Amino acid sequence: MLQADYEKFKSREAEILVVGQHTPDEFARMWKKKSLNYIGLPDDDGLVAGLYQQKVHLIRLGRMPALFVIGKDGKVQYSYYSRSMSDIPKNEELFKIIDDRS
């Protein structure tokens, strides 16, 4: 879970940004309710999802998870497009990717 390892990401000078298909009000409620430390970006119009070619599956009722490691230079250094919520890379895998690119 991202929140549980937030300090480990920060210690690597990494920031977490979650882009979701929710409205700004829905995001604000969710972040307040869960006391999340990382950034949430509402993308209810799908503009950001389109820029990163995030897949939408109507049968699964929405966007499929996608994960990117973006360098300080703004370039995508790693991308992963999930087929379901269950195949998202574990945080330990992300730490290795971040560490290898530092």
PDB file of N, CA and C in Angstrom:
ATOM      1  N   MET A   1       0.841  -1.175   0.000  1.00  0.00           N
ATOM      2  CA  MET A   1       0.000   0.000   0.000  1.00  0.00           C
ATOM      3  C   MET A   1       0.892   1.247   0.000  1.00  0.00           C
ATOM      4  N   LEU A   2       0.575   2.173  -0.846  1.00  0.00           N
ATOM      5  CA  LEU A   2       1.400   3.373  -0.991  1.00  0.00           C
ATOM      6  C   LEU A   2       1.521   4.169   0.302  1.00  0.00           C
ATOM      7  N   GLN A   3       0.418   4.360   0.973  1.00  0.00           N
ATOM      8  CA  GLN A   3       0.422   5.173   2.197  1.00  0.00           C
ATOM      9  C   GLN A   3       1.350   4.589   3.258  1.00  0.00           C
ATOM     10  N   ALA A   4       1.333   3.285   3.406  1.00  0.00           N
ATOM     11  CA  ALA A   4       2.150   2.632   4.444  1.00  0.00           C
ATOM     12  C   ALA A   4       3.642   2.851   4.208  1.00  0.00           C
ATOM     13  N   ASP A   5       4.047   2.966   2.952  1.00  0.00           N
ATOM     14  CA  ASP A   5       5.458   3.130   2.623  1.00  0.00           C
ATOM     15  C   ASP A   5       5.802   4.536   2.149  1.00  0.00           C
ATOM     16  N   TYR A   6       4.931   5.478   2.432  1.00  0.00           N
ATOM     17  CA  TYR A   6       5.134   6.842   1.937  1.00  0.00           C
ATOM     18  C   TYR A   6       6.506   7.399   2.326  1.00  0.00           C
ATOM     19  N   GLU A   7       6.926   7.208   3.560  1.00  0.00           N
ATOM     20  CA  GLU A   7       8.215   7.743   4.018  1.00  0.00           C
ATOM     21  C   GLU A   7       9.387   7.082   3.287  1.00  0.00           C
ATOM     22  N   LYS A   8       9.234   5.812   2.905  1.00  0.00           N
ATOM     23  CA  LYS A   8      10.285   5.139   2.146  1.00  0.00           C
ATOM     24  C   LYS A   8      10.421   5.749   0.747  1.00  0.00           C
ATOM     25  N   PHE A   9       9.295   6.125   0.153  1.00  0.00           N
ATOM     26  CA  PHE A   9       9.347   6.815  -1.133  1.00  0.00           C
ATOM     27  C   PHE A   9      10.011   8.183  -0.967  1.00  0.00           C
ATOM     28  N   LYS A  10       9.596   8.917   0.064  1.00  0.00           N
ATOM     29  CA  LYS A  10      10.158  10.256   0.306  1.00  0.00           C
ATOM     30  C   LYS A  10      11.666  10.197   0.556  1.00  0.00           C
ATOM     31  N   SER A  11      12.134   9.163   1.272  1.00  0.00           N
ATOM     32  CA  SER A  11      13.560   9.048   1.560  1.00  0.00           C
ATOM     33  C   SER A  11      14.371   8.842   0.277  1.00  0.00           C
ATOM     34  N   ARG A  12      13.706   8.407  -0.794  1.00  0.00           N
ATOM     35  CA  ARG A  12      14.355   8.226  -2.092  1.00  0.00           C
ATOM     36  C   ARG A  12      14.139   9.452  -2.986  1.00  0.00           C
ATOM     37  N   GLU A  13      13.633  10.520  -2.388  1.00  0.00           N
ATOM     38  CA  GLU A  13      13.299  11.743  -3.109  1.00  0.00           C
ATOM     39  C   GLU A  13      12.286  11.475  -4.218  1.00  0.00           C
ATOM     40  N   ALA A  14      11.363  10.548  -3.952  1.00  0.00           N
ATOM     41  CA  ALA A  14      10.303  10.210  -4.885  1.00  0.00           C
ATOM     42  C   ALA A  14       8.987  10.752  -4.340  1.00  0.00           C
ATOM     43  N   GLU A  15       8.130  11.184  -5.234  1.00  0.00           N
ATOM     44  CA  GLU A  15       6.810  11.662  -4.844  1.00  0.00           C
ATOM     45  C   GLU A  15       5.775  10.763  -5.490  1.00  0.00           C
ATOM     46  N   ILE A  16       4.695  10.527  -4.789  1.00  0.00           N
ATOM     47  CA  ILE A  16       3.588   9.708  -5.301  1.00  0.00           C
ATOM     48  C   ILE A  16       2.505  10.653  -5.789  1.00  0.00           C
ATOM     49  N   LEU A  17       2.036  10.404  -6.983  1.00  0.00           N
ATOM     50  CA  LEU A  17       0.928  11.160  -7.559  1.00  0.00           C
ATOM     51  C   LEU A  17      -0.082  10.146  -8.075  1.00  0.00           C
ATOM     52  N   VAL A  18      -1.278  10.173  -7.536  1.00  0.00           N
ATOM     53  CA  VAL A  18      -2.331   9.268  -7.971  1.00  0.00           C
ATOM     54  C   VAL A  18      -3.311  10.056  -8.832  1.00  0.00           C
ATOM     55  N   VAL A  19      -3.502   9.574 -10.045  1.00  0.00           N
ATOM     56  CA  VAL A  19      -4.450  10.188 -10.973  1.00  0.00           C
ATOM     57  C   VAL A  19      -5.668   9.280 -11.029  1.00  0.00           C
ATOM     58  N   GLY A  20      -6.836   9.854 -10.824  1.00  0.00           N
ATOM     59  CA  GLY A  20      -8.040   9.026 -10.797  1.00  0.00           C
ATOM     60  C   GLY A  20      -9.189   9.645 -11.555  1.00  0.00           C
ATOM     61  N   GLN A  21     -10.136   8.818 -11.875  1.00  0.00           N
ATOM     62  CA  GLN A  21     -11.278   9.233 -12.682  1.00  0.00           C
ATOM     63  C   GLN A  21     -12.392   9.838 -11.835  1.00  0.00           C
ATOM     64  N   HIS A  22     -12.018  10.479 -10.762  1.00  0.00           N
ATOM     65  CA  HIS A  22     -12.988  11.074  -9.852  1.00  0.00           C
ATOM     66  C   HIS A  22     -13.029  12.585 -10.025  1.00  0.00           C
ATOM     67  N   THR A  23     -14.094  13.188  -9.551  1.00  0.00           N
ATOM     68  CA  THR A  23     -14.204  14.642  -9.585  1.00  0.00           C
ATOM     69  C   THR A  23     -13.337  15.238  -8.478  1.00  0.00           C
ATOM     70  N   PRO A  24     -13.030  16.521  -8.555  1.00  0.00           N
ATOM     71  CA  PRO A  24     -12.254  17.157  -7.484  1.00  0.00           C
ATOM     72  C   PRO A  24     -12.901  16.996  -6.101  1.00  0.00           C
ATOM     73  N   ASP A  25     -14.214  17.106  -6.015  1.00  0.00           N
ATOM     74  CA  ASP A  25     -14.897  16.947  -4.721  1.00  0.00           C
ATOM     75  C   ASP A  25     -14.758  15.524  -4.189  1.00  0.00           C
ATOM     76  N   GLU A  26     -14.880  14.527  -5.074  1.00  0.00           N
ATOM     77  CA  GLU A  26     -14.728  13.131  -4.652  1.00  0.00           C
ATOM     78  C   GLU A  26     -13.309  12.872  -4.148  1.00  0.00           C
ATOM     79  N   PHE A  27     -12.325  13.412  -4.853  1.00  0.00           N
ATOM     80  CA  PHE A  27     -10.936  13.258  -4.417  1.00  0.00           C
ATOM     81  C   PHE A  27     -10.727  13.900  -3.058  1.00  0.00           C
ATOM     82  N   ALA A  28     -11.217  15.106  -2.877  1.00  0.00           N
ATOM     83  CA  ALA A  28     -11.030  15.808  -1.601  1.00  0.00           C
ATOM     84  C   ALA A  28     -11.631  15.009  -0.448  1.00  0.00           C
ATOM     85  N   ARG A  29     -12.822  14.468  -0.646  1.00  0.00           N
ATOM     86  CA  ARG A  29     -13.457  13.652   0.407  1.00  0.00           C
ATOM     87  C   ARG A  29     -12.651  12.400   0.707  1.00  0.00           C
ATOM     88  N   MET A  30     -12.187  11.718  -0.342  1.00  0.00           N
ATOM     89  CA  MET A  30     -11.427  10.478  -0.164  1.00  0.00           C
ATOM     90  C   MET A  30     -10.105  10.765   0.563  1.00  0.00           C
ATOM     91  N   TRP A  31      -9.401  11.811   0.153  1.00  0.00           N
ATOM     92  CA  TRP A  31      -8.116  12.132   0.779  1.00  0.00           C
ATOM     93  C   TRP A  31      -8.298  12.521   2.237  1.00  0.00           C
ATOM     94  N   LYS A  32      -9.346  13.273   2.531  1.00  0.00           N
ATOM     95  CA  LYS A  32      -9.611  13.670   3.915  1.00  0.00           C
ATOM     96  C   LYS A  32      -9.988  12.459   4.761  1.00  0.00           C
ATOM     97  N   LYS A  33     -10.861  11.615   4.243  1.00  0.00           N
ATOM     98  CA  LYS A  33     -11.323  10.438   4.977  1.00  0.00           C
ATOM     99  C   LYS A  33     -10.174   9.487   5.299  1.00  0.00           C
ATOM    100  N   LYS A  34      -9.263   9.291   4.340  1.00  0.00           N
ATOM    101  CA  LYS A  34      -8.164   8.333   4.522  1.00  0.00           C
ATOM    102  C   LYS A  34      -6.877   8.986   5.014  1.00  0.00           C
ATOM    103  N   SER A  35      -6.874  10.306   5.183  1.00  0.00           N
ATOM    104  CA  SER A  35      -5.681  11.054   5.628  1.00  0.00           C
ATOM    105  C   SER A  35      -4.447  10.688   4.807  1.00  0.00           C
ATOM    106  N   LEU A  36      -4.569  10.776   3.500  1.00  0.00           N
ATOM    107  CA  LEU A  36      -3.473  10.398   2.608  1.00  0.00           C
ATOM    108  C   LEU A  36      -2.448  11.520   2.508  1.00  0.00           C
ATOM    109  N   ASN A  37      -1.162  11.140   2.512  1.00  0.00           N
ATOM    110  CA  ASN A  37      -0.068  12.113   2.449  1.00  0.00           C
ATOM    111  C   ASN A  37       0.317  12.467   1.026  1.00  0.00           C
ATOM    112  N   TYR A  38       0.088  11.574   0.093  1.00  0.00           N
ATOM    113  CA  TYR A  38       0.531  11.819  -1.271  1.00  0.00           C
ATOM    114  C   TYR A  38      -0.514  12.616  -2.049  1.00  0.00           C
ATOM    115  N   ILE A  39      -0.144  12.980  -3.271  1.00  0.00           N
ATOM    116  CA  ILE A  39      -0.954  13.888  -4.089  1.00  0.00           C
ATOM    117  C   ILE A  39      -1.992  13.103  -4.875  1.00  0.00           C
ATOM    118  N   GLY A  40      -3.198  13.629  -4.921  1.00  0.00           N
ATOM    119  CA  GLY A  40      -4.267  13.064  -5.732  1.00  0.00           C
ATOM    120  C   GLY A  40      -4.677  14.063  -6.799  1.00  0.00           C
ATOM    121  N   LEU A  41      -4.697  13.623  -8.036  1.00  0.00           N
ATOM    122  CA  LEU A  41      -5.054  14.489  -9.156  1.00  0.00           C
ATOM    123  C   LEU A  41      -6.341  13.988  -9.798  1.00  0.00           C
ATOM    124  N   PRO A  42      -7.433  14.746  -9.653  1.00  0.00           N
ATOM    125  CA  PRO A  42      -8.683  14.351 -10.303  1.00  0.00           C
ATOM    126  C   PRO A  42      -8.544  14.452 -11.822  1.00  0.00           C
ATOM    127  N   ASP A  43      -9.015  13.440 -12.506  1.00  0.00           N
ATOM    128  CA  ASP A  43      -8.952  13.404 -13.966  1.00  0.00           C
ATOM    129  C   ASP A  43     -10.272  12.880 -14.504  1.00  0.00           C
ATOM    130  N   ASP A  44     -11.363  13.488 -14.059  1.00  0.00           N
ATOM    131  CA  ASP A  44     -12.679  12.980 -14.429  1.00  0.00           C
ATOM    132  C   ASP A  44     -12.975  13.139 -15.923  1.00  0.00           C
ATOM    133  N   ASP A  45     -12.245  14.003 -16.620  1.00  0.00           N
ATOM    134  CA  ASP A  45     -12.442  14.138 -18.065  1.00  0.00           C
ATOM    135  C   ASP A  45     -11.514  13.238 -18.876  1.00  0.00           C
ATOM    136  N   GLY A  46     -10.577  12.541 -18.196  1.00  0.00           N
ATOM    137  CA  GLY A  46      -9.702  11.584 -18.849  1.00  0.00           C
ATOM    138  C   GLY A  46      -8.545  12.188 -19.638  1.00  0.00           C
ATOM    139  N   LEU A  47      -8.294  13.473 -19.478  1.00  0.00           N
ATOM    140  CA  LEU A  47      -7.221  14.128 -20.224  1.00  0.00           C
ATOM    141  C   LEU A  47      -5.848  13.539 -19.902  1.00  0.00           C
ATOM    142  N   VAL A  48      -5.526  13.412 -18.620  1.00  0.00           N
ATOM    143  CA  VAL A  48      -4.226  12.867 -18.215  1.00  0.00           C
ATOM    144  C   VAL A  48      -4.132  11.393 -18.614  1.00  0.00           C
ATOM    145  N   ALA A  49      -5.189  10.649 -18.404  1.00  0.00           N
ATOM    146  CA  ALA A  49      -5.195   9.228 -18.784  1.00  0.00           C
ATOM    147  C   ALA A  49      -4.909   9.072 -20.272  1.00  0.00           C
ATOM    148  N   GLY A  50      -5.464   9.942 -21.074  1.00  0.00           N
ATOM    149  CA  GLY A  50      -5.226   9.891 -22.513  1.00  0.00           C
ATOM    150  C   GLY A  50      -3.790  10.198 -22.869  1.00  0.00           C
ATOM    151  N   LEU A  51      -3.188  11.163 -22.197  1.00  0.00           N
ATOM    152  CA  LEU A  51      -1.797  11.525 -22.461  1.00  0.00           C
ATOM    153  C   LEU A  51      -0.843  10.361 -22.189  1.00  0.00           C
ATOM    154  N   TYR A  52      -1.171   9.553 -21.185  1.00  0.00           N
ATOM    155  CA  TYR A  52      -0.325   8.420 -20.816  1.00  0.00           C
ATOM    156  C   TYR A  52      -0.849   7.099 -21.363  1.00  0.00           C
ATOM    157  N   GLN A  53      -1.820   7.175 -22.255  1.00  0.00           N
ATOM    158  CA  GLN A  53      -2.389   6.005 -22.930  1.00  0.00           C
ATOM    159  C   GLN A  53      -2.892   4.949 -21.950  1.00  0.00           C
ATOM    160  N   GLN A  54      -3.526   5.422 -20.870  1.00  0.00           N
ATOM    161  CA  GLN A  54      -4.089   4.499 -19.892  1.00  0.00           C
ATOM    162  C   GLN A  54      -5.332   3.855 -20.489  1.00  0.00           C
ATOM    163  N   LYS A  55      -5.404   2.554 -20.382  1.00  0.00           N
ATOM    164  CA  LYS A  55      -6.488   1.791 -20.986  1.00  0.00           C
ATOM    165  C   LYS A  55      -7.792   1.926 -20.197  1.00  0.00           C
ATOM    166  N   VAL A  56      -8.905   1.894 -20.936  1.00  0.00           N
ATOM    167  CA  VAL A  56     -10.229   1.886 -20.335  1.00  0.00           C
ATOM    168  C   VAL A  56     -10.915   0.608 -20.773  1.00  0.00           C
ATOM    169  N   HIS A  57     -11.466  -0.128 -19.803  1.00  0.00           N
ATOM    170  CA  HIS A  57     -12.211  -1.349 -20.095  1.00  0.00           C
ATOM    171  C   HIS A  57     -13.631  -1.171 -19.590  1.00  0.00           C
ATOM    172  N   LEU A  58     -14.550  -1.051 -20.519  1.00  0.00           N
ATOM    173  CA  LEU A  58     -15.947  -0.818 -20.153  1.00  0.00           C
ATOM    174  C   LEU A  58     -16.520  -1.972 -19.342  1.00  0.00           C
ATOM    175  N   ILE A  59     -16.116  -3.198 -19.664  1.00  0.00           N
ATOM    176  CA  ILE A  59     -16.634  -4.360 -18.942  1.00  0.00           C
ATOM    177  C   ILE A  59     -16.227  -4.290 -17.470  1.00  0.00           C
ATOM    178  N   ARG A  60     -15.032  -3.760 -17.208  1.00  0.00           N
ATOM    179  CA  ARG A  60     -14.541  -3.642 -15.832  1.00  0.00           C
ATOM    180  C   ARG A  60     -14.890  -2.286 -15.226  1.00  0.00           C
ATOM    181  N   LEU A  61     -15.697  -1.528 -15.940  1.00  0.00           N
ATOM    182  CA  LEU A  61     -16.233  -0.257 -15.453  1.00  0.00           C
ATOM    183  C   LEU A  61     -15.174   0.800 -15.155  1.00  0.00           C
ATOM    184  N   GLY A  62     -14.217   0.961 -16.040  1.00  0.00           N
ATOM    185  CA  GLY A  62     -13.303   2.068 -15.841  1.00  0.00           C
ATOM    186  C   GLY A  62     -11.893   1.815 -16.313  1.00  0.00           C
ATOM    187  N   ARG A  63     -11.020   2.678 -15.845  1.00  0.00           N
ATOM    188  CA  ARG A  63      -9.616   2.644 -16.240  1.00  0.00           C
ATOM    189  C   ARG A  63      -8.883   1.502 -15.560  1.00  0.00           C
ATOM    190  N   MET A  64      -7.943   0.965 -16.301  1.00  0.00           N
ATOM    191  CA  MET A  64      -7.063  -0.048 -15.734  1.00  0.00           C
ATOM    192  C   MET A  64      -5.883   0.687 -15.090  1.00  0.00           C
ATOM    193  N   PRO A  65      -5.373   0.160 -13.989  1.00  0.00           N
ATOM    194  CA  PRO A  65      -4.254   0.829 -13.326  1.00  0.00           C
ATOM    195  C   PRO A  65      -3.025   0.915 -14.241  1.00  0.00           C
ATOM    196  N   ALA A  66      -2.344   2.023 -14.130  1.00  0.00           N
ATOM    197  CA  ALA A  66      -1.075   2.215 -14.820  1.00  0.00           C
ATOM    198  C   ALA A  66      -0.131   2.878 -13.822  1.00  0.00           C
ATOM    199  N   LEU A  67       1.153   2.583 -13.956  1.00  0.00           N
ATOM    200  CA  LEU A  67       2.125   3.114 -13.004  1.00  0.00           C
ATOM    201  C   LEU A  67       3.335   3.607 -13.788  1.00  0.00           C
ATOM    202  N   PHE A  68       3.835   4.786 -13.410  1.00  0.00           N
ATOM    203  CA  PHE A  68       4.977   5.382 -14.089  1.00  0.00           C
ATOM    204  C   PHE A  68       5.976   5.884 -13.062  1.00  0.00           C
ATOM    205  N   VAL A  69       7.252   5.718 -13.391  1.00  0.00           N
ATOM    206  CA  VAL A  69       8.318   6.372 -12.647  1.00  0.00           C
ATOM    207  C   VAL A  69       8.839   7.449 -13.598  1.00  0.00           C
ATOM    208  N   ILE A  70       8.725   8.696 -13.153  1.00  0.00           N
ATOM    209  CA  ILE A  70       9.130   9.829 -13.972  1.00  0.00           C
ATOM    210  C   ILE A  70      10.344  10.468 -13.314  1.00  0.00           C
ATOM    211  N   GLY A  71      11.395  10.633 -14.082  1.00  0.00           N
ATOM    212  CA  GLY A  71      12.629  11.197 -13.560  1.00  0.00           C
ATOM    213  C   GLY A  71      12.518  12.685 -13.281  1.00  0.00           C
ATOM    214  N   LYS A  72      13.516  13.218 -12.605  1.00  0.00           N
ATOM    215  CA  LYS A  72      13.543  14.647 -12.302  1.00  0.00           C
ATOM    216  C   LYS A  72      13.585  15.495 -13.569  1.00  0.00           C
ATOM    217  N   ASP A  73      14.004  14.867 -14.677  1.00  0.00           N
ATOM    218  CA  ASP A  73      14.044  15.572 -15.958  1.00  0.00           C
ATOM    219  C   ASP A  73      12.678  15.576 -16.653  1.00  0.00           C
ATOM    220  N   GLY A  74      11.677  14.933 -16.030  1.00  0.00           N
ATOM    221  CA  GLY A  74      10.330  14.911 -16.587  1.00  0.00           C
ATOM    222  C   GLY A  74      10.074  13.781 -17.567  1.00  0.00           C
ATOM    223  N   LYS A  75      11.056  12.930 -17.796  1.00  0.00           N
ATOM    224  CA  LYS A  75      10.896  11.826 -18.740  1.00  0.00           C
ATOM    225  C   LYS A  75      10.455  10.556 -18.021  1.00  0.00           C
ATOM    226  N   VAL A  76       9.584   9.799 -18.682  1.00  0.00           N
ATOM    227  CA  VAL A  76       9.136   8.519 -18.143  1.00  0.00           C
ATOM    228  C   VAL A  76      10.305   7.549 -18.193  1.00  0.00           C
ATOM    229  N   GLN A  77      10.675   7.034 -17.028  1.00  0.00           N
ATOM    230  CA  GLN A  77      11.783   6.089 -16.938  1.00  0.00           C
ATOM    231  C   GLN A  77      11.297   4.645 -16.815  1.00  0.00           C
ATOM    232  N   TYR A  78      10.059   4.479 -16.416  1.00  0.00           N
ATOM    233  CA  TYR A  78       9.484   3.147 -16.240  1.00  0.00           C
ATOM    234  C   TYR A  78       7.971   3.285 -16.380  1.00  0.00           C
ATOM    235  N   SER A  79       7.361   2.347 -17.072  1.00  0.00           N
ATOM    236  CA  SER A  79       5.897   2.333 -17.161  1.00  0.00           C
ATOM    237  C   SER A  79       5.397   0.903 -17.017  1.00  0.00           C
ATOM    238  N   TYR A  80       4.243   0.784 -16.415  1.00  0.00           N
ATOM    239  CA  TYR A  80       3.621  -0.522 -16.227  1.00  0.00           C
ATOM    240  C   TYR A  80       2.109  -0.350 -16.382  1.00  0.00           C
ATOM    241  N   TYR A  81       1.528  -1.106 -17.289  1.00  0.00           N
ATOM    242  CA  TYR A  81       0.086  -1.080 -17.525  1.00  0.00           C
ATOM    243  C   TYR A  81      -0.509  -2.383 -17.002  1.00  0.00           C
ATOM    244  N   SER A  82      -1.338  -2.280 -15.994  1.00  0.00           N
ATOM    245  CA  SER A  82      -1.927  -3.464 -15.356  1.00  0.00           C
ATOM    246  C   SER A  82      -3.104  -3.995 -16.154  1.00  0.00           C
ATOM    247  N   ARG A  83      -3.349  -5.280 -15.989  1.00  0.00           N
ATOM    248  CA  ARG A  83      -4.526  -5.914 -16.577  1.00  0.00           C
ATOM    249  C   ARG A  83      -5.683  -5.949 -15.585  1.00  0.00           C
ATOM    250  N   SER A  84      -5.342  -5.763 -14.292  1.00  0.00           N
ATOM    251  CA  SER A  84      -6.351  -5.776 -13.239  1.00  0.00           C
ATOM    252  C   SER A  84      -5.762  -5.096 -12.009  1.00  0.00           C
ATOM    253  N   MET A  85      -6.579  -4.912 -10.981  1.00  0.00           N
ATOM    254  CA  MET A  85      -6.096  -4.299  -9.745  1.00  0.00           C
ATOM    255  C   MET A  85      -5.115  -5.213  -9.016  1.00  0.00           C
ATOM    256  N   SER A  86      -5.129  -6.499  -9.333  1.00  0.00           N
ATOM    257  CA  SER A  86      -4.297  -7.448  -8.595  1.00  0.00           C
ATOM    258  C   SER A  86      -2.874  -7.579  -9.133  1.00  0.00           C
ATOM    259  N   ASP A  87      -2.583  -7.015 -10.308  1.00  0.00           N
ATOM    260  CA  ASP A  87      -1.226  -7.174 -10.834  1.00  0.00           C
ATOM    261  C   ASP A  87      -0.412  -5.875 -10.798  1.00  0.00           C
ATOM    262  N   ILE A  88      -0.715  -5.016  -9.866  1.00  0.00           N
ATOM    263  CA  ILE A  88       0.046  -3.784  -9.671  1.00  0.00           C
ATOM    264  C   ILE A  88       1.371  -4.138  -8.993  1.00  0.00           C
ATOM    265  N   PRO A  89       2.489  -3.570  -9.464  1.00  0.00           N
ATOM    266  CA  PRO A  89       3.777  -3.887  -8.834  1.00  0.00           C
ATOM    267  C   PRO A  89       3.782  -3.553  -7.337  1.00  0.00           C
ATOM    268  N   LYS A  90       4.457  -4.382  -6.574  1.00  0.00           N
ATOM    269  CA  LYS A  90       4.598  -4.159  -5.130  1.00  0.00           C
ATOM    270  C   LYS A  90       5.573  -3.013  -4.888  1.00  0.00           C
ATOM    271  N   ASN A  91       5.428  -2.367  -3.746  1.00  0.00           N
ATOM    272  CA  ASN A  91       6.291  -1.240  -3.408  1.00  0.00           C
ATOM    273  C   ASN A  91       7.771  -1.613  -3.440  1.00  0.00           C
ATOM    274  N   GLU A  92       8.112  -2.808  -2.972  1.00  0.00           N
ATOM    275  CA  GLU A  92       9.514  -3.231  -2.975  1.00  0.00           C
ATOM    276  C   GLU A  92      10.084  -3.252  -4.398  1.00  0.00           C
ATOM    277  N   GLU A  93       9.261  -3.652  -5.368  1.00  0.00           N
ATOM    278  CA  GLU A  93       9.698  -3.629  -6.764  1.00  0.00           C
ATOM    279  C   GLU A  93       9.940  -2.185  -7.210  1.00  0.00           C
ATOM    280  N   LEU A  94       9.066  -1.288  -6.793  1.00  0.00           N
ATOM    281  CA  LEU A  94       9.213   0.124  -7.154  1.00  0.00           C
ATOM    282  C   LEU A  94      10.463   0.730  -6.527  1.00  0.00           C
ATOM    283  N   PHE A  95      10.758   0.369  -5.290  1.00  0.00           N
ATOM    284  CA  PHE A  95      11.972   0.881  -4.641  1.00  0.00           C
ATOM    285  C   PHE A  95      13.208   0.475  -5.440  1.00  0.00           C
ATOM    286  N   LYS A  96      13.231  -0.774  -5.907  1.00  0.00           N
ATOM    287  CA  LYS A  96      14.372  -1.259  -6.686  1.00  0.00           C
ATOM    288  C   LYS A  96      14.487  -0.466  -7.986  1.00  0.00           C
ATOM    289  N   ILE A  97      13.384  -0.221  -8.644  1.00  0.00           N
ATOM    290  CA  ILE A  97      13.387   0.544  -9.892  1.00  0.00           C
ATOM    291  C   ILE A  97      13.890   1.966  -9.633  1.00  0.00           C
ATOM    292  N   ILE A  98      13.381   2.586  -8.594  1.00  0.00           N
ATOM    293  CA  ILE A  98      13.809   3.945  -8.252  1.00  0.00           C
ATOM    294  C   ILE A  98      15.287   3.963  -7.885  1.00  0.00           C
ATOM    295  N   ASP A  99      15.717   3.032  -7.060  1.00  0.00           N
ATOM    296  CA  ASP A  99      17.114   2.975  -6.641  1.00  0.00           C
ATOM    297  C   ASP A  99      18.053   2.739  -7.838  1.00  0.00           C
ATOM    298  N   ASP A 100      17.640   1.872  -8.762  1.00  0.00           N
ATOM    299  CA  ASP A 100      18.470   1.564  -9.924  1.00  0.00           C
ATOM    300  C   ASP A 100      18.610   2.754 -10.866  1.00  0.00           C
ATOM    301  N   ARG A 101      17.668   3.680 -10.808  1.00  0.00           N
ATOM    302  CA  ARG A 101      17.688   4.832 -11.713  1.00  0.00           C
ATOM    303  C   ARG A 101      18.256   6.084 -11.045  1.00  0.00           C
ATOM    304  N   SER A 102      18.629   5.967  -9.800  1.00  0.00           N
ATOM    305  CA  SER A 102      19.176   7.123  -9.078  1.00  0.00           C
ATOM    306  C   SER A 102      20.627   7.349  -9.425  1.00  0.00           C
TER     307      SER A 102
END
